[in-house]
Amino acid sequence: MDDSNHDLPHGDRAGDHSEIVEQIVESLKQGKKIQAIKDYRESTGAGLKESKEAIEALIQKYDIQMKSGCATMLLMAISTIALTFIVWLR
């Protein structure tokens, strides 16, 4: 039996809790945490803080590994190397 129906408050407007949870979990697996928070807020009417906490709980419950921003760090490293190389050539 799927217990995902218990992940959202009972007062949600959409009616089908498991479908909403699946959509939110899929967004999280794709690294779309902000979208997941927006979807949660829309479907439950919860505030930002409550929604963020609920999403964090879902991340833990489903053991979802969120992206850590490695691409940004890599871009910064490449930019620094390129800048250093350009300065060195002068």
Protein backbone atom coordinates (compact mmCIF):
# COMPACT_ATOMS: atom_id res chain seq x y z
CA MET A 1 0.00 0.00 0.00
CA ASP A 2 1.34 3.44 -0.96
CA ASP A 3 1.57 5.74 2.04
CA SER A 4 2.18 8.85 -0.08
CA ASN A 5 -1.37 10.02 0.66
CA HIS A 6 -0.13 10.93 4.13
CA ASP A 7 2.57 13.31 2.84
CA LEU A 8 0.23 16.27 2.32
CA PRO A 9 -2.36 17.88 4.59
CA HIS A 10 -5.93 16.64 4.22
CA GLY A 11 -7.30 20.01 3.14
CA ASP A 12 -5.65 20.15 -0.27
CA ARG A 13 -7.71 21.49 -3.17
CA ALA A 14 -6.56 18.99 -5.81
CA GLY A 15 -8.10 16.04 -4.03
CA ASP A 16 -5.69 13.34 -5.19
CA HIS A 17 -2.78 13.41 -2.76
CA SER A 18 -0.74 10.62 -4.31
CA GLU A 19 -0.73 12.30 -7.73
CA ILE A 20 0.49 15.57 -6.22
CA VAL A 21 3.18 13.81 -4.19
CA GLU A 22 4.36 11.94 -7.30
CA GLN A 23 4.60 15.23 -9.21
CA ILE A 24 6.52 16.90 -6.38
CA VAL A 25 8.87 13.94 -5.91
CA GLU A 26 9.54 13.87 -9.67
CA SER A 27 10.39 17.59 -9.60
CA LEU A 28 12.78 16.95 -6.73
CA LYS A 29 14.46 14.05 -8.54
CA GLN A 30 15.03 16.43 -11.47
CA GLY A 31 16.66 18.94 -9.13
CA LYS A 32 13.71 21.36 -9.28
CA LYS A 33 13.32 22.13 -5.58
CA ILE A 34 11.84 25.59 -6.11
CA GLN A 35 9.23 24.16 -8.48
CA ALA A 36 8.41 21.48 -5.90
CA ILE A 37 7.87 24.16 -3.25
CA LYS A 38 5.63 26.13 -5.63
CA ASP A 39 3.61 23.01 -6.46
CA TYR A 40 3.24 22.21 -2.77
CA ARG A 41 2.08 25.74 -1.97
CA GLU A 42 -0.44 25.69 -4.84
CA SER A 43 -1.88 22.33 -3.92
CA THR A 44 -2.10 22.91 -0.16
CA GLY A 45 -2.40 26.66 0.32
CA ALA A 46 0.47 26.46 2.82
CA GLY A 47 2.86 29.33 3.46
CA LEU A 48 6.42 29.48 2.16
CA LYS A 49 8.09 28.33 5.38
CA GLU A 50 5.70 25.42 5.90
CA SER A 51 6.05 24.41 2.25
CA LYS A 52 9.85 24.49 2.39
CA GLU A 53 9.83 22.35 5.53
CA ALA A 54 7.41 19.88 3.93
CA ILE A 55 9.61 19.60 0.84
CA GLU A 56 12.68 19.04 3.01
CA ALA A 57 10.76 16.25 4.77
CA LEU A 58 9.90 14.66 1.42
CA ILE A 59 13.54 14.86 0.34
CA GLN A 60 14.52 12.94 3.47
CA LYS A 61 11.61 10.48 3.32
CA TYR A 62 12.30 9.50 -0.29
CA ASP A 63 16.11 9.81 0.11
CA ILE A 64 16.38 12.18 -2.85
CA GLN A 65 19.87 13.39 -3.65
CA MET A 66 19.68 17.05 -4.62
CA LYS A 67 22.27 18.58 -6.91
CA SER A 68 24.80 20.61 -4.99
CA GLY A 69 25.63 23.27 -7.55
CA CYS A 70 28.79 21.59 -8.86
CA ALA A 71 28.26 23.13 -12.29
CA THR A 72 28.61 26.63 -10.83
CA MET A 73 31.83 25.70 -9.07
CA LEU A 74 33.21 24.14 -12.25
CA LEU A 75 32.33 27.25 -14.26
CA MET A 76 34.06 29.46 -11.70
CA ALA A 77 37.18 27.27 -11.79
CA ILE A 78 37.34 27.32 -15.60
CA SER A 79 36.83 31.11 -15.62
CA THR A 80 39.63 31.58 -13.09
CA ILE A 81 42.00 29.39 -15.11
CA ALA A 82 41.12 31.22 -18.34
CA LEU A 83 41.63 34.62 -16.71
CA THR A 84 44.95 33.52 -15.25
CA PHE A 85 46.05 32.24 -18.68
CA ILE A 86 45.05 35.52 -20.39
CA VAL A 87 46.95 37.59 -17.80
CA TRP A 88 49.97 35.29 -18.11
CA LEU A 89 50.05 35.76 -21.93
CA ARG A 90 50.31 39.54 -21.60
